[in-house]
C-alpha atoms as a PDB file:
ATOM      1  CA  MET A   1      -0.409  12.804 -13.392  1.00  0.00           C
ATOM      2  CA  ASN A   2      -0.362  10.650 -10.495  1.00  0.00           C
ATOM      3  CA  ILE A   3      -0.158   6.902 -10.764  1.00  0.00           C
ATOM      4  CA  GLY A   4       0.304   3.803  -8.281  1.00  0.00           C
ATOM      5  CA  PHE A   5       0.188   0.095  -8.466  1.00  0.00           C
ATOM      6  CA  GLY A   6      -2.282  -2.199  -6.605  1.00  0.00           C
ATOM      7  CA  ILE A   7      -3.140  -6.001  -5.904  1.00  0.00           C
ATOM      8  CA  LEU A   8      -6.742  -6.478  -7.056  1.00  0.00           C
ATOM      9  CA  LEU A   9      -8.809  -8.888  -4.644  1.00  0.00           C
ATOM     10  CA  ASP A  10     -10.205 -12.195  -5.585  1.00  0.00           C
ATOM     11  CA  ILE A  11     -14.149 -12.466  -6.138  1.00  0.00           C
ATOM     12  CA  PRO A  12     -15.221 -12.926  -2.423  1.00  0.00           C
ATOM     13  CA  ALA A  13     -12.904 -10.270  -0.671  1.00  0.00           C
ATOM     14  CA  HIS A  14     -13.725  -7.639  -3.338  1.00  0.00           C
ATOM     15  CA  ASN A  15     -17.522  -8.558  -2.783  1.00  0.00           C
ATOM     16  CA  PHE A  16     -17.167  -8.482   0.737  1.00  0.00           C
ATOM     17  CA  ILE A  17     -15.577  -5.208   0.595  1.00  0.00           C
ATOM     18  CA  ARG A  18     -18.346  -3.450  -1.590  1.00  0.00           C
ATOM     19  CA  GLN A  19     -20.963  -4.831   0.406  1.00  0.00           C
ATOM     20  CA  LEU A  20     -19.764  -3.823   3.527  1.00  0.00           C
ATOM     21  CA  GLN A  21     -19.341  -0.124   1.931  1.00  0.00           C
ATOM     22  CA  TRP A  22     -22.828  -0.039   0.727  1.00  0.00           C
ATOM     23  CA  GLU A  23     -24.062  -1.023   4.117  1.00  0.00           C
ATOM     24  CA  LEU A  24     -22.109   1.689   5.711  1.00  0.00           C
ATOM     25  CA  GLN A  25     -23.417   4.117   3.009  1.00  0.00           C
ATOM     26  CA  GLN A  26     -26.468   3.194   4.131  1.00  0.00           C
ATOM     27  CA  VAL A  27     -26.386   3.146   7.838  1.00  0.00           C
ATOM     28  CA  ILE A  28     -23.778   5.914   8.113  1.00  0.00           C
ATOM     29  CA  GLY A  29     -23.604   7.862   4.771  1.00  0.00           C
ATOM     30  CA  ILE A  30     -19.735   7.410   4.355  1.00  0.00           C
ATOM     31  CA  GLY A  31     -19.737   7.414   0.525  1.00  0.00           C
ATOM     32  CA  MET A  32     -18.517   4.888  -1.708  1.00  0.00           C
ATOM     33  CA  ALA A  33     -14.694   4.706  -2.953  1.00  0.00           C
ATOM     34  CA  ARG A  34     -14.666   4.681  -6.891  1.00  0.00           C
ATOM     35  CA  GLN A  35     -11.512   2.473  -7.226  1.00  0.00           C
ATOM     36  CA  PRO A  36     -11.758  -1.095  -6.856  1.00  0.00           C
ATOM     37  CA  PRO A  37     -10.925  -2.789  -3.746  1.00  0.00           C
ATOM     38  CA  HIS A  38      -7.129  -3.659  -3.681  1.00  0.00           C
ATOM     39  CA  VAL A  39      -3.816  -3.858  -1.744  1.00  0.00           C
ATOM     40  CA  THR A  40      -1.229  -0.932  -2.500  1.00  0.00           C
ATOM     41  CA  PHE A  41       2.119  -2.378  -3.491  1.00  0.00           C
ATOM     42  CA  LYS A  42       3.628   0.914  -4.610  1.00  0.00           C
ATOM     43  CA  SER A  43       2.028   4.176  -3.359  1.00  0.00           C
ATOM     44  CA  PRO A  44       0.879   6.702  -5.589  1.00  0.00           C
ATOM     45  CA  PHE A  45       3.794   9.043  -7.661  1.00  0.00           C
ATOM     46  CA  GLU A  46       3.990  11.680 -10.088  1.00  0.00           C
ATOM     47  CA  ALA A  47       4.685  10.351 -13.741  1.00  0.00           C
ATOM     48  CA  SER A  48       4.623  12.621 -17.055  1.00  0.00           C
ATOM     49  CA  GLU A  49       3.826   9.708 -18.914  1.00  0.00           C
ATOM     50  CA  ILE A  50       1.811   6.306 -18.363  1.00  0.00           C
ATOM     51  CA  GLU A  51       3.210   3.965 -21.058  1.00  0.00           C
ATOM     52  CA  PRO A  52       6.566   3.188 -19.297  1.00  0.00           C
ATOM     53  CA  TYR A  53       4.875   2.136 -16.325  1.00  0.00           C
ATOM     54  CA  THR A  54       2.209   0.065 -18.043  1.00  0.00           C
ATOM     55  CA  GLU A  55       4.991  -1.772 -19.844  1.00  0.00           C
ATOM     56  CA  TYR A  56       6.690  -2.295 -16.287  1.00  0.00           C
ATOM     57  CA  LEU A  57       3.653  -3.705 -14.665  1.00  0.00           C
ATOM     58  CA  THR A  58       3.158  -6.175 -17.368  1.00  0.00           C
ATOM     59  CA  LYS A  59       6.579  -7.447 -17.290  1.00  0.00           C
ATOM     60  CA  LEU A  60       6.546  -7.289 -13.283  1.00  0.00           C
ATOM     61  CA  ALA A  61       3.037  -9.591 -13.715  1.00  0.00           C
ATOM     62  CA  ALA A  62       4.783 -12.016 -16.109  1.00  0.00           C
ATOM     63  CA  ASP A  63       7.832 -12.623 -14.277  1.00  0.00           C
ATOM     64  CA  THR A  64       6.048 -12.812 -10.961  1.00  0.00           C
ATOM     65  CA  PRO A  65       4.297 -16.050 -10.068  1.00  0.00           C
ATOM     66  CA  ALA A  66       0.933 -15.750  -7.913  1.00  0.00           C
ATOM     67  CA  PHE A  67       1.505 -16.113  -4.321  1.00  0.00           C
ATOM     68  CA  GLU A  68      -1.108 -16.198  -1.255  1.00  0.00           C
ATOM     69  CA  LEU A  69      -2.606 -13.405   0.297  1.00  0.00           C
ATOM     70  CA  ASN A  70      -4.498 -13.237   3.581  1.00  0.00           C
ATOM     71  CA  LEU A  71      -6.815 -10.708   4.645  1.00  0.00           C
ATOM     72  CA  ASP A  72      -7.745 -11.115   8.705  1.00  0.00           C
ATOM     73  CA  GLY A  73     -10.054  -8.835  10.670  1.00  0.00           C
ATOM     74  CA  PHE A  74     -10.032  -4.992  10.591  1.00  0.00           C
ATOM     75  CA  GLY A  75      -7.250  -2.477  11.021  1.00  0.00           C
ATOM     76  CA  TYR A  76      -7.594   1.288  11.630  1.00  0.00           C
ATOM     77  CA  PHE A  77      -5.284   4.394  10.763  1.00  0.00           C
ATOM     78  CA  GLY A  78      -6.609   6.497  13.439  1.00  0.00           C
ATOM     79  CA  GLU A  79     -10.001   7.698  13.151  1.00  0.00           C
ATOM     80  CA  GLN A  80      -9.577   8.163   9.577  1.00  0.00           C
ATOM     81  CA  VAL A  81      -9.354   5.004   7.552  1.00  0.00           C
ATOM     82  CA  LEU A  82     -11.125   1.471   7.952  1.00  0.00           C
ATOM     83  CA  PHE A  83      -9.574  -1.177   6.465  1.00  0.00           C
ATOM     84  CA  LEU A  84      -9.036  -5.263   6.096  1.00  0.00           C
ATOM     85  CA  ASP A  85      -5.611  -6.235   7.530  1.00  0.00           C
ATOM     86  CA  VAL A  86      -3.108  -8.017   5.184  1.00  0.00           C
ATOM     87  CA  GLN A  87      -1.278 -10.431   7.336  1.00  0.00           C
ATOM     88  CA  GLU A  88       2.370 -10.322   7.394  1.00  0.00           C
ATOM     89  CA  ASN A  89       3.859 -12.164   4.550  1.00  0.00           C
ATOM     90  CA  ALA A  90       7.483 -12.365   3.395  1.00  0.00           C
ATOM     91  CA  ILE A  91       6.794 -13.171  -0.185  1.00  0.00           C
ATOM     92  CA  LEU A  92       4.698 -10.066  -0.636  1.00  0.00           C
ATOM     93  CA  THR A  93       7.066  -8.097   1.612  1.00  0.00           C
ATOM     94  CA  ASP A  94      10.128  -9.180  -0.992  1.00  0.00           C
ATOM     95  CA  PHE A  95       7.600  -8.186  -3.904  1.00  0.00           C
ATOM     96  CA  HIS A  96       7.081  -4.900  -2.380  1.00  0.00           C
ATOM     97  CA  GLU A  97      10.832  -4.270  -1.958  1.00  0.00           C
ATOM     98  CA  ARG A  98      11.823  -5.422  -5.547  1.00  0.00           C
ATOM     99  CA  VAL A  99       9.284  -2.555  -6.931  1.00  0.00           C
ATOM    100  CA  LEU A 100      10.539  -0.405  -4.934  1.00  0.00           C
ATOM    101  CA  GLN A 101      14.075  -1.275  -6.116  1.00  0.00           C
ATOM    102  CA  ASP A 102      13.019  -1.028  -9.490  1.00  0.00           C
ATOM    103  CA  MET A 103      11.333   2.274  -9.220  1.00  0.00           C
ATOM    104  CA  LYS A 104      14.399   3.821  -7.911  1.00  0.00           C
ATOM    105  CA  THR A 105      16.613   2.069 -10.420  1.00  0.00           C
ATOM    106  CA  MET A 106      14.285   2.438 -13.735  1.00  0.00           C
ATOM    107  CA  PHE A 107      12.541   5.416 -13.292  1.00  0.00           C
ATOM    108  CA  GLY A 108      14.255   7.412 -10.479  1.00  0.00           C
ATOM    109  CA  ILE A 109      11.285   7.340  -8.104  1.00  0.00           C
ATOM    110  CA  SER A 110      12.125   6.840  -4.677  1.00  0.00           C
ATOM    111  CA  PRO A 111       9.911   5.383  -1.742  1.00  0.00           C
ATOM    112  CA  ASP A 112       6.927   7.140  -0.199  1.00  0.00           C
ATOM    113  CA  PRO A 113       7.334   7.669   3.537  1.00  0.00           C
ATOM    114  CA  TYR A 114       5.127   4.712   4.114  1.00  0.00           C
ATOM    115  CA  GLU A 115       6.668   2.278   2.122  1.00  0.00           C
ATOM    116  CA  GLY A 116       9.679  -0.318   2.806  1.00  0.00           C
ATOM    117  CA  SER A 117       9.999  -0.421   6.325  1.00  0.00           C
ATOM    118  CA  ASN A 118       7.020   1.505   7.318  1.00  0.00           C
ATOM    119  CA  VAL A 119       4.749   0.280   5.015  1.00  0.00           C
ATOM    120  CA  LYS A 120       1.441  -1.233   6.398  1.00  0.00           C
ATOM    121  CA  PHE A 121      -0.484  -3.411   3.806  1.00  0.00           C
ATOM    122  CA  HIS A 122      -4.196  -3.256   3.668  1.00  0.00           C
ATOM    123  CA  ALA A 123      -7.341  -3.061   1.650  1.00  0.00           C
ATOM    124  CA  SER A 124      -8.943   0.175   2.555  1.00  0.00           C
ATOM    125  CA  ILE A 125     -12.797  -0.099   3.015  1.00  0.00           C
ATOM    126  CA  ALA A 126     -13.554   3.491   4.094  1.00  0.00           C
ATOM    127  CA  GLY A 127     -12.330   7.101   5.014  1.00  0.00           C
ATOM    128  CA  PHE A 128     -13.741   9.058   7.774  1.00  0.00           C
ATOM    129  CA  GLN A 129     -13.802  13.044   8.320  1.00  0.00           C
ATOM    130  CA  GLN A 130     -15.792  13.020  11.234  1.00  0.00           C
ATOM    131  CA  ALA A 131     -14.950  10.753  14.564  1.00  0.00           C
ATOM    132  CA  GLU A 132     -18.616  10.121  15.186  1.00  0.00           C
ATOM    133  CA  GLN A 133     -18.692   8.463  11.715  1.00  0.00           C
ATOM    134  CA  PHE A 134     -15.710   6.363  12.212  1.00  0.00           C
ATOM    135  CA  GLN A 135     -17.045   5.367  15.682  1.00  0.00           C
ATOM    136  CA  ALA A 136     -20.395   4.675  14.320  1.00  0.00           C
ATOM    137  CA  ALA A 137     -18.828   2.375  11.564  1.00  0.00           C
ATOM    138  CA  GLN A 138     -16.707   0.548  14.133  1.00  0.00           C
ATOM    139  CA  ARG A 139     -19.759  -0.113  16.227  1.00  0.00           C
ATOM    140  CA  TYR A 140     -21.460  -1.508  13.050  1.00  0.00           C
ATOM    141  CA  ILE A 141     -18.556  -3.833  11.691  1.00  0.00           C
ATOM    142  CA  GLN A 142     -18.157  -5.822  14.866  1.00  0.00           C
ATOM    143  CA  ARG A 143     -20.883  -8.258  13.519  1.00  0.00           C
ATOM    144  CA  TYR A 144     -18.397  -9.427  11.164  1.00  0.00           C
ATOM    145  CA  GLN A 145     -15.188 -11.472  11.342  1.00  0.00           C
ATOM    146  CA  PRO A 146     -13.626 -11.448   8.077  1.00  0.00           C
ATOM    147  CA  ASN A 147     -11.134 -13.614   6.645  1.00  0.00           C
ATOM    148  CA  PHE A 148      -9.874 -14.265   3.053  1.00  0.00           C
ATOM    149  CA  SER A 149      -7.265 -16.316   1.664  1.00  0.00           C
ATOM    150  CA  PHE A 150      -6.574 -16.503  -1.883  1.00  0.00           C
ATOM    151  CA  ARG A 151      -3.800 -16.239  -4.651  1.00  0.00           C
ATOM    152  CA  ILE A 152      -3.450 -13.032  -6.060  1.00  0.00           C
ATOM    153  CA  SER A 153      -3.845 -13.107  -9.871  1.00  0.00           C
ATOM    154  CA  GLU A 154      -4.125  -9.747 -10.957  1.00  0.00           C
ATOM    155  CA  LEU A 155      -2.039  -6.477 -10.713  1.00  0.00           C
ATOM    156  CA  GLY A 156      -3.552  -2.980 -11.533  1.00  0.00           C
ATOM    157  CA  LEU A 157      -2.338  -0.036 -12.505  1.00  0.00           C
ATOM    158  CA  PHE A 158      -4.147   2.954 -10.817  1.00  0.00           C
ATOM    159  CA  TYR A 159      -4.755   6.716 -12.205  1.00  0.00           C
ATOM    160  CA  TYR A 160      -5.552   9.626 -10.401  1.00  0.00           C
ATOM    161  CA  LEU A 161      -8.553  11.500 -12.502  1.00  0.00           C
ATOM    162  CA  GLY A 162      -8.220  14.776 -10.615  1.00  0.00           C
ATOM    163  CA  PRO A 163      -9.838  16.532  -7.103  1.00  0.00           C
ATOM    164  CA  GLY A 164     -13.320  15.144  -6.677  1.00  0.00           C
ATOM    165  CA  GLN A 165     -12.843  12.638  -9.382  1.00  0.00           C
ATOM    166  CA  GLY A 166     -10.768   9.711  -7.380  1.00  0.00           C
ATOM    167  CA  TRP A 167      -9.026   7.074  -9.169  1.00  0.00           C
ATOM    168  CA  ILE A 168      -9.407   4.258 -11.747  1.00  0.00           C
ATOM    169  CA  ILE A 169      -7.761   1.338 -12.763  1.00  0.00           C
ATOM    170  CA  SER A 170      -5.955   2.106 -16.082  1.00  0.00           C
ATOM    171  CA  GLN A 171      -4.697  -1.254 -16.711  1.00  0.00           C
ATOM    172  CA  ARG A 172      -5.103  -4.581 -15.269  1.00  0.00           C
ATOM    173  CA  THR A 173      -2.790  -7.551 -16.070  1.00  0.00           C
ATOM    174  CA  GLU A 174      -2.424 -11.120 -14.801  1.00  0.00           C
ATOM    175  CA  MET A 175       0.131 -12.591 -12.589  1.00  0.00           C
ATOM    176  CA  ALA A 176       2.320 -15.875 -13.993  1.00  0.00           C
ATOM    177  CA  PRO A 177       0.698 -19.059 -12.827  1.00  0.00           C
END
């Protein structure tokens, strides 16, 4: 099974992304993601069982004071992915590095190539198979100037259902106050 960890967005940021996904679906026909809007802090990895990771996530959340997250403007990975950009944040980076270290020492899981010094924190909005769809989306979003700041309050364990099925949140857990 494949699982990963993400920061769940607050209500305004979540609703903005879902509304924009709906609009892009209506205008361009991109399809909507099944998983809720989030910021990945541990990329998906292979696991034989889920329980040790749910326990880890619960402890991590209880031991980590909530911190500020700022989403400001749009970003892109080539012409394939549109996202809300997460502003650089030393606390988020330290949190990410702590999780990578824990995963290595506790579970023998090495960082993904896009983690550690290569990480680009973001909240995905849409993925594109065709350049024309990406370009249409890029033109459409020019009407928006998103900027969200909030204290993170929830972490989620994401579980991959399989090809064509997408991801779900298997567990949600609250951060320490």
